[in-house]
Every structure is written in C-alpha cells, then in structure tokens.
PDB file of N, CA and C in Angstrom:
ATOM      1  N   MET A   1    -154.890   5.601-123.021  1.00  0.00           N
ATOM      2  CA  MET A   1    -155.920   5.204-121.849  1.00  0.00           C
ATOM      3  C   MET A   1    -156.312   4.530-122.212  1.00  0.00           C
ATOM      4  N   ALA A   2    -156.832   3.634-120.934  1.00  0.00           N
ATOM      5  CA  ALA A   2    -157.689   2.374-120.832  1.00  0.00           C
ATOM      6  C   ALA A   2    -159.077   2.382-121.239  1.00  0.00           C
ATOM      7  N   ARG A   3    -159.537   1.327-121.991  1.00  0.00           N
ATOM      8  CA  ARG A   3    -161.020   1.556-122.144  1.00  0.00           C
ATOM      9  C   ARG A   3    -161.476   1.448-120.668  1.00  0.00           C
ATOM     10  N   SER A   4    -162.635   2.105-120.662  1.00  0.00           N
ATOM     11  CA  SER A   4    -163.458   1.567-119.638  1.00  0.00           C
ATOM     12  C   SER A   4    -164.181   0.381-119.579  1.00  0.00           C
ATOM     13  N   LEU A   5    -164.841  -0.249-118.918  1.00  0.00           N
ATOM     14  CA  LEU A   5    -165.840  -1.509-118.606  1.00  0.00           C
ATOM     15  C   LEU A   5    -167.122  -1.219-119.407  1.00  0.00           C
ATOM     16  N   LEU A   6    -167.654   0.388-118.832  1.00  0.00           N
ATOM     17  CA  LEU A   6    -168.580   0.684-119.132  1.00  0.00           C
ATOM     18  C   LEU A   6    -168.436   1.554-120.273  1.00  0.00           C
ATOM     19  N   PRO A   7    -169.921   2.045-120.802  1.00  0.00           N
ATOM     20  CA  PRO A   7    -169.840   3.399-121.895  1.00  0.00           C
ATOM     21  C   PRO A   7    -169.931   4.829-120.547  1.00  0.00           C
ATOM     22  N   SER A   8    -170.104   5.893-121.151  1.00  0.00           N
ATOM     23  CA  SER A   8    -170.527   7.044-120.967  1.00  0.00           C
ATOM     24  C   SER A   8    -171.587   7.227-119.539  1.00  0.00           C
ATOM     25  N   LEU A   9    -171.228   7.470-118.795  1.00  0.00           N
ATOM     26  CA  LEU A   9    -172.795   7.483-117.927  1.00  0.00           C
ATOM     27  C   LEU A   9    -173.942   8.232-118.451  1.00  0.00           C
ATOM     28  N   PRO A  10    -175.029   8.097-118.862  1.00  0.00           N
ATOM     29  CA  PRO A  10    -175.937   8.951-119.092  1.00  0.00           C
ATOM     30  C   PRO A  10    -176.164   9.930-118.310  1.00  0.00           C
ATOM     31  N   GLU A  11    -176.108  11.298-118.684  1.00  0.00           N
ATOM     32  CA  GLU A  11    -176.531  12.461-117.983  1.00  0.00           C
ATOM     33  C   GLU A  11    -177.709  12.698-117.175  1.00  0.00           C
ATOM     34  N   ASP A  12    -177.524  13.199-116.394  1.00  0.00           N
ATOM     35  CA  ASP A  12    -178.814  13.386-115.173  1.00  0.00           C
ATOM     36  C   ASP A  12    -179.442  12.297-114.990  1.00  0.00           C
ATOM     37  N   SER A  13    -178.724  10.988-114.743  1.00  0.00           N
ATOM     38  CA  SER A  13    -178.973   9.813-114.464  1.00  0.00           C
ATOM     39  C   SER A  13    -178.814   9.800-112.570  1.00  0.00           C
ATOM     40  N   GLU A  14    -179.633   9.146-112.244  1.00  0.00           N
ATOM     41  CA  GLU A  14    -179.192   8.779-110.809  1.00  0.00           C
ATOM     42  C   GLU A  14    -177.393   8.347-110.656  1.00  0.00           C
ATOM     43  N   LEU A  15    -177.472   6.955-111.653  1.00  0.00           N
ATOM     44  CA  LEU A  15    -176.121   6.444-111.520  1.00  0.00           C
ATOM     45  C   LEU A  15    -174.859   7.571-111.986  1.00  0.00           C
ATOM     46  N   ALA A  16    -175.438   8.558-112.529  1.00  0.00           N
ATOM     47  CA  ALA A  16    -174.199   9.389-112.666  1.00  0.00           C
ATOM     48  C   ALA A  16    -173.913  10.669-111.560  1.00  0.00           C
ATOM     49  N   ARG A  17    -175.355  11.028-110.758  1.00  0.00           N
ATOM     50  CA  ARG A  17    -175.141  11.429-109.562  1.00  0.00           C
ATOM     51  C   ARG A  17    -174.080  10.881-108.871  1.00  0.00           C
ATOM     52  N   TRP A  18    -174.549   9.386-108.368  1.00  0.00           N
ATOM     53  CA  TRP A  18    -173.632   8.628-107.849  1.00  0.00           C
ATOM     54  C   TRP A  18    -172.018   8.564-107.928  1.00  0.00           C
ATOM     55  N   ALA A  19    -172.095   8.568-109.215  1.00  0.00           N
ATOM     56  CA  ALA A  19    -170.635   8.720-109.716  1.00  0.00           C
ATOM     57  C   ALA A  19    -169.679  10.181-109.079  1.00  0.00           C
ATOM     58  N   THR A  20    -170.883  11.472-109.000  1.00  0.00           N
ATOM     59  CA  THR A  20    -170.003  12.530-109.088  1.00  0.00           C
ATOM     60  C   THR A  20    -170.220  12.866-107.167  1.00  0.00           C
ATOM     61  N   GLU A  21    -171.197  12.289-106.682  1.00  0.00           N
ATOM     62  CA  GLU A  21    -171.765  12.483-105.392  1.00  0.00           C
ATOM     63  C   GLU A  21    -171.116  11.681-104.413  1.00  0.00           C
ATOM     64  N   GLY A  22    -171.225  10.631-104.834  1.00  0.00           N
ATOM     65  CA  GLY A  22    -170.565   9.637-103.976  1.00  0.00           C
ATOM     66  C   GLY A  22    -169.241   9.329-104.410  1.00  0.00           C
ATOM     67  N   PHE A  23    -169.092   8.179-105.151  1.00  0.00           N
ATOM     68  CA  PHE A  23    -167.697   7.828-105.871  1.00  0.00           C
ATOM     69  C   PHE A  23    -168.024   6.704-107.102  1.00  0.00           C
ATOM     70  N   GLN A  24    -167.202   6.587-107.798  1.00  0.00           N
ATOM     71  CA  GLN A  24    -167.198   5.535-109.213  1.00  0.00           C
ATOM     72  C   GLN A  24    -165.342   5.165-108.753  1.00  0.00           C
ATOM     73  N   ARG A  25    -165.430   3.948-109.434  1.00  0.00           N
ATOM     74  CA  ARG A  25    -164.138   3.665-108.613  1.00  0.00           C
ATOM     75  C   ARG A  25    -163.736   2.268-109.566  1.00  0.00           C
ATOM     76  N   GLU A  26    -162.990   2.218-110.666  1.00  0.00           N
ATOM     77  CA  GLU A  26    -162.352   1.236-111.678  1.00  0.00           C
ATOM     78  C   GLU A  26    -161.109   1.103-111.458  1.00  0.00           C
ATOM     79  N   PRO A  27    -160.692  -0.035-110.739  1.00  0.00           N
ATOM     80  CA  PRO A  27    -159.242   0.169-110.303  1.00  0.00           C
ATOM     81  C   PRO A  27    -158.179  -0.279-111.553  1.00  0.00           C
ATOM     82  N   THR A  28    -157.051  -0.139-111.582  1.00  0.00           N
ATOM     83  CA  THR A  28    -156.400  -0.241-113.172  1.00  0.00           C
ATOM     84  C   THR A  28    -156.347  -1.466-112.966  1.00  0.00           C
ATOM     85  N   HIS A  29    -156.110  -2.229-114.590  1.00  0.00           N
ATOM     86  CA  HIS A  29    -156.000  -3.392-114.524  1.00  0.00           C
ATOM     87  C   HIS A  29    -156.814  -4.369-113.861  1.00  0.00           C
ATOM     88  N   SER A  30    -158.367  -3.867-113.475  1.00  0.00           N
ATOM     89  CA  SER A  30    -159.484  -4.961-113.170  1.00  0.00           C
ATOM     90  C   SER A  30    -160.586  -5.110-113.785  1.00  0.00           C
ATOM     91  N   ASN A  31    -161.920  -5.913-113.694  1.00  0.00           N
ATOM     92  CA  ASN A  31    -162.896  -6.180-114.670  1.00  0.00           C
ATOM     93  C   ASN A  31    -163.929  -5.936-113.696  1.00  0.00           C
ATOM     94  N   ILE A  32    -163.379  -4.991-112.653  1.00  0.00           N
ATOM     95  CA  ILE A  32    -164.558  -4.208-111.707  1.00  0.00           C
ATOM     96  C   ILE A  32    -164.859  -2.921-111.783  1.00  0.00           C
ATOM     97  N   VAL A  33    -166.258  -2.478-111.784  1.00  0.00           N
ATOM     98  CA  VAL A  33    -166.231  -1.166-111.447  1.00  0.00           C
ATOM     99  C   VAL A  33    -167.440  -0.629-110.412  1.00  0.00           C
ATOM    100  N   TYR A  34    -167.151  -0.012-109.337  1.00  0.00           N
ATOM    101  CA  TYR A  34    -167.781   0.034-107.945  1.00  0.00           C
ATOM    102  C   TYR A  34    -168.650   1.691-108.336  1.00  0.00           C
ATOM    103  N   PHE A  35    -169.729   2.004-108.096  1.00  0.00           N
ATOM    104  CA  PHE A  35    -170.264   2.933-107.869  1.00  0.00           C
ATOM    105  C   PHE A  35    -170.820   3.042-106.322  1.00  0.00           C
ATOM    106  N   GLY A  36    -170.688   4.330-105.501  1.00  0.00           N
ATOM    107  CA  GLY A  36    -171.200   4.224-104.061  1.00  0.00           C
ATOM    108  C   GLY A  36    -172.403   5.353-104.162  1.00  0.00           C
ATOM    109  N   SER A  37    -173.358   4.778-103.597  1.00  0.00           N
ATOM    110  CA  SER A  37    -174.361   5.989-103.424  1.00  0.00           C
ATOM    111  C   SER A  37    -173.918   7.294-102.712  1.00  0.00           C
ATOM    112  N   PRO A  38    -174.510   8.580-102.559  1.00  0.00           N
ATOM    113  CA  PRO A  38    -174.022   9.542-102.180  1.00  0.00           C
ATOM    114  C   PRO A  38    -174.273   9.650-100.547  1.00  0.00           C
ATOM    115  N   ASP A  39    -175.260   8.707-100.088  1.00  0.00           N
ATOM    116  CA  ASP A  39    -175.484   8.684 -98.692  1.00  0.00           C
ATOM    117  C   ASP A  39    -174.781   7.644 -98.139  1.00  0.00           C
ATOM    118  N   GLU A  40    -173.955   6.945 -98.764  1.00  0.00           N
ATOM    119  CA  GLU A  40    -172.907   6.097 -98.276  1.00  0.00           C
ATOM    120  C   GLU A  40    -173.775   4.875 -98.002  1.00  0.00           C
ATOM    121  N   ARG A  41    -174.933   4.640 -98.563  1.00  0.00           N
ATOM    122  CA  ARG A  41    -175.654   3.151 -98.003  1.00  0.00           C
ATOM    123  C   ARG A  41    -175.570   2.471 -99.157  1.00  0.00           C
ATOM    124  N   PHE A  42    -175.477   2.502-100.291  1.00  0.00           N
ATOM    125  CA  PHE A  42    -175.387   1.411-101.173  1.00  0.00           C
ATOM    126  C   PHE A  42    -174.143   1.217-102.062  1.00  0.00           C
ATOM    127  N   VAL A  43    -173.924   0.115-102.534  1.00  0.00           N
ATOM    128  CA  VAL A  43    -172.397   0.054-103.286  1.00  0.00           C
ATOM    129  C   VAL A  43    -173.404  -0.746-104.585  1.00  0.00           C
ATOM    130  N   LEU A  44    -173.189   0.028-105.905  1.00  0.00           N
ATOM    131  CA  LEU A  44    -173.204  -0.616-106.967  1.00  0.00           C
ATOM    132  C   LEU A  44    -172.200  -1.598-107.540  1.00  0.00           C
ATOM    133  N   VAL A  45    -171.913  -2.899-107.964  1.00  0.00           N
ATOM    134  CA  VAL A  45    -170.627  -3.423-108.676  1.00  0.00           C
ATOM    135  C   VAL A  45    -171.268  -4.013-109.879  1.00  0.00           C
ATOM    136  N   VAL A  46    -170.152  -3.909-110.768  1.00  0.00           N
ATOM    137  CA  VAL A  46    -170.362  -4.168-112.553  1.00  0.00           C
ATOM    138  C   VAL A  46    -168.980  -4.990-112.503  1.00  0.00           C
ATOM    139  N   GLN A  47    -169.474  -6.406-112.876  1.00  0.00           N
ATOM    140  CA  GLN A  47    -168.236  -7.191-113.408  1.00  0.00           C
ATOM    141  C   GLN A  47    -168.284  -7.340-114.412  1.00  0.00           C
ATOM    142  N   VAL A  48    -167.314  -7.588-115.148  1.00  0.00           N
ATOM    143  CA  VAL A  48    -167.126  -8.378-116.599  1.00  0.00           C
ATOM    144  C   VAL A  48    -166.028  -9.603-116.545  1.00  0.00           C
ATOM    145  N   ASP A  49    -167.012 -11.009-116.900  1.00  0.00           N
ATOM    146  CA  ASP A  49    -166.227 -11.988-117.050  1.00  0.00           C
ATOM    147  C   ASP A  49    -165.598 -11.800-118.662  1.00  0.00           C
ATOM    148  N   ASP A  50    -163.982 -11.895-119.000  1.00  0.00           N
ATOM    149  CA  ASP A  50    -163.293 -11.709-119.829  1.00  0.00           C
ATOM    150  C   ASP A  50    -163.976 -12.830-121.140  1.00  0.00           C
ATOM    151  N   PRO A  51    -163.775 -14.098-120.600  1.00  0.00           N
ATOM    152  CA  PRO A  51    -163.609 -15.019-121.400  1.00  0.00           C
ATOM    153  C   PRO A  51    -165.296 -15.049-122.261  1.00  0.00           C
ATOM    154  N   VAL A  52    -165.904 -14.628-121.721  1.00  0.00           N
ATOM    155  CA  VAL A  52    -167.453 -15.051-122.209  1.00  0.00           C
ATOM    156  C   VAL A  52    -168.200 -13.690-122.335  1.00  0.00           C
ATOM    157  N   GLN A  53    -167.529 -12.270-121.743  1.00  0.00           N
ATOM    158  CA  GLN A  53    -168.135 -11.016-121.911  1.00  0.00           C
ATOM    159  C   GLN A  53    -169.352 -11.047-121.375  1.00  0.00           C
ATOM    160  N   GLY A  54    -169.723 -11.627-120.161  1.00  0.00           N
ATOM    161  CA  GLY A  54    -171.051 -11.358-119.332  1.00  0.00           C
ATOM    162  C   GLY A  54    -170.600 -10.386-118.256  1.00  0.00           C
ATOM    163  N   TYR A  55    -171.614  -9.801-117.905  1.00  0.00           N
ATOM    164  CA  TYR A  55    -171.825  -8.457-117.279  1.00  0.00           C
ATOM    165  C   TYR A  55    -172.401  -8.736-115.907  1.00  0.00           C
ATOM    166  N   LEU A  56    -171.788  -9.399-114.851  1.00  0.00           N
ATOM    167  CA  LEU A  56    -172.641  -9.145-113.269  1.00  0.00           C
ATOM    168  C   LEU A  56    -173.096  -8.002-112.699  1.00  0.00           C
ATOM    169  N   VAL A  57    -174.011  -7.479-112.532  1.00  0.00           N
ATOM    170  CA  VAL A  57    -174.660  -6.202-112.091  1.00  0.00           C
ATOM    171  C   VAL A  57    -175.156  -6.850-110.484  1.00  0.00           C
ATOM    172  N   GLU A  58    -174.566  -6.002-109.687  1.00  0.00           N
ATOM    173  CA  GLU A  58    -175.216  -6.014-108.374  1.00  0.00           C
ATOM    174  C   GLU A  58    -175.484  -5.235-107.562  1.00  0.00           C
ATOM    175  N   MET A  59    -176.299  -4.683-106.645  1.00  0.00           N
ATOM    176  CA  MET A  59    -176.868  -3.872-105.797  1.00  0.00           C
ATOM    177  C   MET A  59    -176.690  -4.230-104.434  1.00  0.00           C
ATOM    178  N   HIS A  60    -175.652  -3.965-103.534  1.00  0.00           N
ATOM    179  CA  HIS A  60    -175.218  -4.192-101.901  1.00  0.00           C
ATOM    180  C   HIS A  60    -175.454  -3.111-101.217  1.00  0.00           C
ATOM    181  N   LEU A  61    -176.095  -3.343-100.164  1.00  0.00           N
ATOM    182  CA  LEU A  61    -175.963  -2.444 -98.665  1.00  0.00           C
ATOM    183  C   LEU A  61    -174.259  -2.336 -98.509  1.00  0.00           C
ATOM    184  N   GLU A  62    -174.147  -0.777 -98.126  1.00  0.00           N
ATOM    185  CA  GLU A  62    -172.852  -0.963 -97.941  1.00  0.00           C
ATOM    186  C   GLU A  62    -172.272  -1.675 -96.453  1.00  0.00           C
ATOM    187  N   ALA A  63    -170.996  -2.375 -97.020  1.00  0.00           N
ATOM    188  CA  ALA A  63    -170.718  -3.334 -96.062  1.00  0.00           C
ATOM    189  C   ALA A  63    -170.773  -2.846 -94.749  1.00  0.00           C
ATOM    190  N   ASN A  64    -171.194  -3.167 -93.736  1.00  0.00           N
ATOM    191  CA  ASN A  64    -171.050  -3.279 -92.255  1.00  0.00           C
ATOM    192  C   ASN A  64    -169.999  -4.140 -91.399  1.00  0.00           C
ATOM    193  N   ASN A  65    -168.837  -3.607 -90.640  1.00  0.00           N
ATOM    194  CA  ASN A  65    -168.211  -4.297 -90.105  1.00  0.00           C
ATOM    195  C   ASN A  65    -168.661  -5.767 -89.432  1.00  0.00           C
ATOM    196  N   ASP A  66    -169.894  -5.635 -89.112  1.00  0.00           N
ATOM    197  CA  ASP A  66    -170.463  -6.905 -88.356  1.00  0.00           C
ATOM    198  C   ASP A  66    -171.203  -7.755 -89.546  1.00  0.00           C
ATOM    199  N   ASP A  67    -171.460  -6.906 -90.905  1.00  0.00           N
ATOM    200  CA  ASP A  67    -172.317  -8.162 -91.199  1.00  0.00           C
ATOM    201  C   ASP A  67    -171.797  -7.704 -93.220  1.00  0.00           C
ATOM    202  N   SER A  68    -170.590  -7.971 -93.229  1.00  0.00           N
ATOM    203  CA  SER A  68    -169.723  -7.947 -94.537  1.00  0.00           C
ATOM    204  C   SER A  68    -170.093  -8.915 -96.121  1.00  0.00           C
ATOM    205  N   ASP A  69    -170.806 -10.336 -95.117  1.00  0.00           N
ATOM    206  CA  ASP A  69    -171.042 -11.154 -96.096  1.00  0.00           C
ATOM    207  C   ASP A  69    -173.033 -11.438 -96.215  1.00  0.00           C
ATOM    208  N   SER A  70    -173.212 -10.178 -96.439  1.00  0.00           N
ATOM    209  CA  SER A  70    -174.967 -10.450 -96.704  1.00  0.00           C
ATOM    210  C   SER A  70    -174.926 -10.399 -98.009  1.00  0.00           C
ATOM    211  N   PRO A  71    -176.051 -10.813 -98.326  1.00  0.00           N
ATOM    212  CA  PRO A  71    -175.908 -11.345 -99.905  1.00  0.00           C
ATOM    213  C   PRO A  71    -176.434 -10.044-100.542  1.00  0.00           C
ATOM    214  N   PRO A  72    -176.344  -9.769-101.650  1.00  0.00           N
ATOM    215  CA  PRO A  72    -176.874  -8.544-102.600  1.00  0.00           C
ATOM    216  C   PRO A  72    -178.146  -8.238-102.887  1.00  0.00           C
ATOM    217  N   LEU A  73    -178.772  -6.898-102.726  1.00  0.00           N
ATOM    218  CA  LEU A  73    -180.458  -7.014-102.914  1.00  0.00           C
ATOM    219  C   LEU A  73    -180.638  -7.279-104.025  1.00  0.00           C
ATOM    220  N   GLY A  74    -179.960  -7.033-104.978  1.00  0.00           N
ATOM    221  CA  GLY A  74    -180.232  -7.363-106.668  1.00  0.00           C
ATOM    222  C   GLY A  74    -179.059  -8.037-107.146  1.00  0.00           C
ATOM    223  N   ARG A  75    -179.378  -8.740-108.249  1.00  0.00           N
ATOM    224  CA  ARG A  75    -178.384  -9.423-108.998  1.00  0.00           C
ATOM    225  C   ARG A  75    -179.193  -9.580-110.395  1.00  0.00           C
ATOM    226  N   THR A  76    -177.961  -9.496-111.457  1.00  0.00           N
ATOM    227  CA  THR A  76    -178.644  -9.963-112.803  1.00  0.00           C
ATOM    228  C   THR A  76    -177.055 -10.001-113.725  1.00  0.00           C
ATOM    229  N   ILE A  77    -177.613 -10.736-114.516  1.00  0.00           N
ATOM    230  CA  ILE A  77    -176.421 -11.143-115.309  1.00  0.00           C
ATOM    231  C   ILE A  77    -176.595 -10.752-117.189  1.00  0.00           C
ATOM    232  N   VAL A  78    -175.948 -10.160-117.735  1.00  0.00           N
ATOM    233  CA  VAL A  78    -176.339  -9.537-119.034  1.00  0.00           C
ATOM    234  C   VAL A  78    -175.066  -9.701-120.130  1.00  0.00           C
ATOM    235  N   ASP A  79    -175.509  -9.752-121.067  1.00  0.00           N
ATOM    236  CA  ASP A  79    -174.223 -10.067-122.063  1.00  0.00           C
ATOM    237  C   ASP A  79    -174.022  -8.894-123.134  1.00  0.00           C
ATOM    238  N   ASP A  80    -174.054  -7.674-122.683  1.00  0.00           N
ATOM    239  CA  ASP A  80    -173.621  -6.519-123.353  1.00  0.00           C
ATOM    240  C   ASP A  80    -173.479  -5.410-122.711  1.00  0.00           C
ATOM    241  N   ARG A  81    -172.504  -4.790-122.952  1.00  0.00           N
ATOM    242  CA  ARG A  81    -171.694  -3.585-122.092  1.00  0.00           C
ATOM    243  C   ARG A  81    -172.905  -2.321-121.870  1.00  0.00           C
ATOM    244  N   GLU A  82    -173.580  -2.109-123.138  1.00  0.00           N
ATOM    245  CA  GLU A  82    -174.773  -1.011-123.182  1.00  0.00           C
ATOM    246  C   GLU A  82    -176.115  -1.408-121.832  1.00  0.00           C
ATOM    247  N   LEU A  83    -176.511  -2.656-122.165  1.00  0.00           N
ATOM    248  CA  LEU A  83    -176.931  -3.257-121.366  1.00  0.00           C
ATOM    249  C   LEU A  83    -177.014  -3.264-120.010  1.00  0.00           C
ATOM    250  N   ALA A  84    -175.280  -3.633-119.552  1.00  0.00           N
ATOM    251  CA  ALA A  84    -175.048  -3.663-118.316  1.00  0.00           C
ATOM    252  C   ALA A  84    -174.991  -2.144-117.546  1.00  0.00           C
ATOM    253  N   LEU A  85    -174.845  -1.363-118.476  1.00  0.00           N
ATOM    254  CA  LEU A  85    -174.930   0.243-118.166  1.00  0.00           C
ATOM    255  C   LEU A  85    -176.473   0.514-117.938  1.00  0.00           C
ATOM    256  N   ASP A  86    -176.962  -0.002-118.864  1.00  0.00           N
ATOM    257  CA  ASP A  86    -178.735   0.510-118.557  1.00  0.00           C
ATOM    258  C   ASP A  86    -179.541  -0.389-117.299  1.00  0.00           C
ATOM    259  N   VAL A  87    -179.066  -1.672-116.810  1.00  0.00           N
ATOM    260  CA  VAL A  87    -179.448  -1.985-115.652  1.00  0.00           C
ATOM    261  C   VAL A  87    -178.926  -1.291-114.176  1.00  0.00           C
ATOM    262  N   ALA A  88    -177.327  -1.005-114.760  1.00  0.00           N
ATOM    263  CA  ALA A  88    -176.794  -0.463-113.500  1.00  0.00           C
ATOM    264  C   ALA A  88    -177.461   1.127-112.971  1.00  0.00           C
ATOM    265  N   THR A  89    -178.054   1.785-114.521  1.00  0.00           N
ATOM    266  CA  THR A  89    -178.447   3.069-114.094  1.00  0.00           C
ATOM    267  C   THR A  89    -180.005   2.361-113.581  1.00  0.00           C
ATOM    268  N   HIS A  90    -180.256   1.735-113.801  1.00  0.00           N
ATOM    269  CA  HIS A  90    -181.917   1.615-113.013  1.00  0.00           C
ATOM    270  C   HIS A  90    -181.748   1.058-111.990  1.00  0.00           C
ATOM    271  N   MET A  91    -180.760   0.156-111.093  1.00  0.00           N
ATOM    272  CA  MET A  91    -180.679  -0.161-109.992  1.00  0.00           C
ATOM    273  C   MET A  91    -180.431   1.252-109.366  1.00  0.00           C
ATOM    274  N   ALA A  92    -179.609   1.880-109.699  1.00  0.00           N
ATOM    275  CA  ALA A  92    -179.331   3.239-108.689  1.00  0.00           C
ATOM    276  C   ALA A  92    -180.571   3.923-108.845  1.00  0.00           C
ATOM    277  N   ALA A  93    -180.990   4.240-109.590  1.00  0.00           N
ATOM    278  CA  ALA A  93    -182.672   4.756-109.758  1.00  0.00           C
ATOM    279  C   ALA A  93    -183.622   4.452-108.290  1.00  0.00           C
ATOM    280  N   ALA A  94    -183.504   2.965-108.294  1.00  0.00           N
ATOM    281  CA  ALA A  94    -184.452   2.603-107.667  1.00  0.00           C
ATOM    282  C   ALA A  94    -184.163   2.249-106.192  1.00  0.00           C
ATOM    283  N   ALA A  95    -182.640   2.785-105.600  1.00  0.00           N
ATOM    284  CA  ALA A  95    -181.854   2.426-104.480  1.00  0.00           C
ATOM    285  C   ALA A  95    -182.944   3.290-103.146  1.00  0.00           C
ATOM    286  N   ASP A  96    -183.690   4.389-103.713  1.00  0.00           N
ATOM    287  CA  ASP A  96    -184.767   5.011-102.221  1.00  0.00           C
ATOM    288  C   ASP A  96    -185.894   3.925-102.490  1.00  0.00           C
ATOM    289  N   ASP A  97    -186.086   3.218-103.249  1.00  0.00           N
ATOM    290  CA  ASP A  97    -187.376   2.599-102.981  1.00  0.00           C
ATOM    291  C   ASP A  97    -186.566   1.003-102.175  1.00  0.00           C
ATOM    292  N   LEU A  98    -185.812   0.757-102.102  1.00  0.00           N
ATOM    293  CA  LEU A  98    -184.839  -0.501-101.993  1.00  0.00           C
ATOM    294  C   LEU A  98    -184.590  -0.130-100.488  1.00  0.00           C
ATOM    295  N   GLU A  99    -184.360   1.296 -99.955  1.00  0.00           N
ATOM    296  CA  GLU A  99    -184.234   1.795 -98.846  1.00  0.00           C
ATOM    297  C   GLU A  99    -185.074   1.561 -97.998  1.00  0.00           C
ATOM    298  N   ALA A 100    -186.253   1.772 -98.657  1.00  0.00           N
ATOM    299  CA  ALA A 100    -187.647   1.987 -97.757  1.00  0.00           C
ATOM    300  C   ALA A 100    -187.772   0.390 -97.716  1.00  0.00           C
ATOM    301  N   LEU A 101    -187.381  -0.328 -98.507  1.00  0.00           N
ATOM    302  CA  LEU A 101    -187.835  -2.028 -98.403  1.00  0.00           C
ATOM    303  C   LEU A 101    -186.698  -2.590 -96.788  1.00  0.00           C
ATOM    304  N   ALA A 102    -186.004  -1.912 -97.228  1.00  0.00           N
ATOM    305  CA  ALA A 102    -184.852  -2.491 -96.207  1.00  0.00           C
ATOM    306  C   ALA A 102    -184.952  -2.029 -94.847  1.00  0.00           C
ATOM    307  N   ASP A 103    -185.903  -0.486 -94.804  1.00  0.00           N
ATOM    308  CA  ASP A 103    -186.171  -0.489 -93.523  1.00  0.00           C
ATOM    309  C   ASP A 103    -187.359  -1.128 -92.813  1.00  0.00           C
ATOM    310  N   ARG A 104    -188.241  -1.698 -93.684  1.00  0.00           N
ATOM    311  CA  ARG A 104    -189.653  -2.237 -93.393  1.00  0.00           C
ATOM    312  C   ARG A 104    -189.312  -3.630 -93.838  1.00  0.00           C
ATOM    313  N   PRO A 105    -188.916  -4.215 -93.940  1.00  0.00           N
ATOM    314  CA  PRO A 105    -189.266  -5.718 -94.531  1.00  0.00           C
ATOM    315  C   PRO A 105    -190.358  -6.009 -94.402  1.00  0.00           C
TER     316      PRO A 105
END
C-alpha cells in the first residue's frame, strides 16, 4: 500500500468531515491531495515538492467554468507533513468565515 502524503486526519475535525461528506482524493503516483467541502464551495489542495519536502497548502473557491484561474483564498508553505495537516485542518475549519468574506468583500 502506498504511503499517503499526509498523516491520518484528526477525528472530529472539519477536514475529516470534508473527507467523508465531501471528498478526499490522492491520485495514484501523485504529489497532491485534494479535499472538497461538503457544500461543494471550497477545494483544499495540499501539494508536496519532493526534492525539498516542502508542502504547499491552498484554499480555493470551487472552480467555476467562467473563473477557473481565480487566485487562492489562502496559501502557505510549510516543511513538515504534520504541520501541513495542521494547516489544512485549520483552513477547513475557517471555511465558514471565508464564505462570509466571499459573500461580503
């Protein structure tokens, strides 16, 4: 069995809820993990750069057909897989606040 890019998701976290009620995808032979919010509004992307083992964590609004090149709502780079999971967990938990901001910029 291939090793996941991230450790096990924290139980009862918003990120774990996204993985079960939305989606979690880690394509085979990929360096990216995707999480989708249950309401299909947000996508969280965790990408690892193999040579340096840096993790790029980004929160996006779900891609619209007419605005697929929109910048991420949040982005950070960390150098530890546990910290990448922690950042992704916090971003998922903050999505409700981000949604309010997106509705009232």
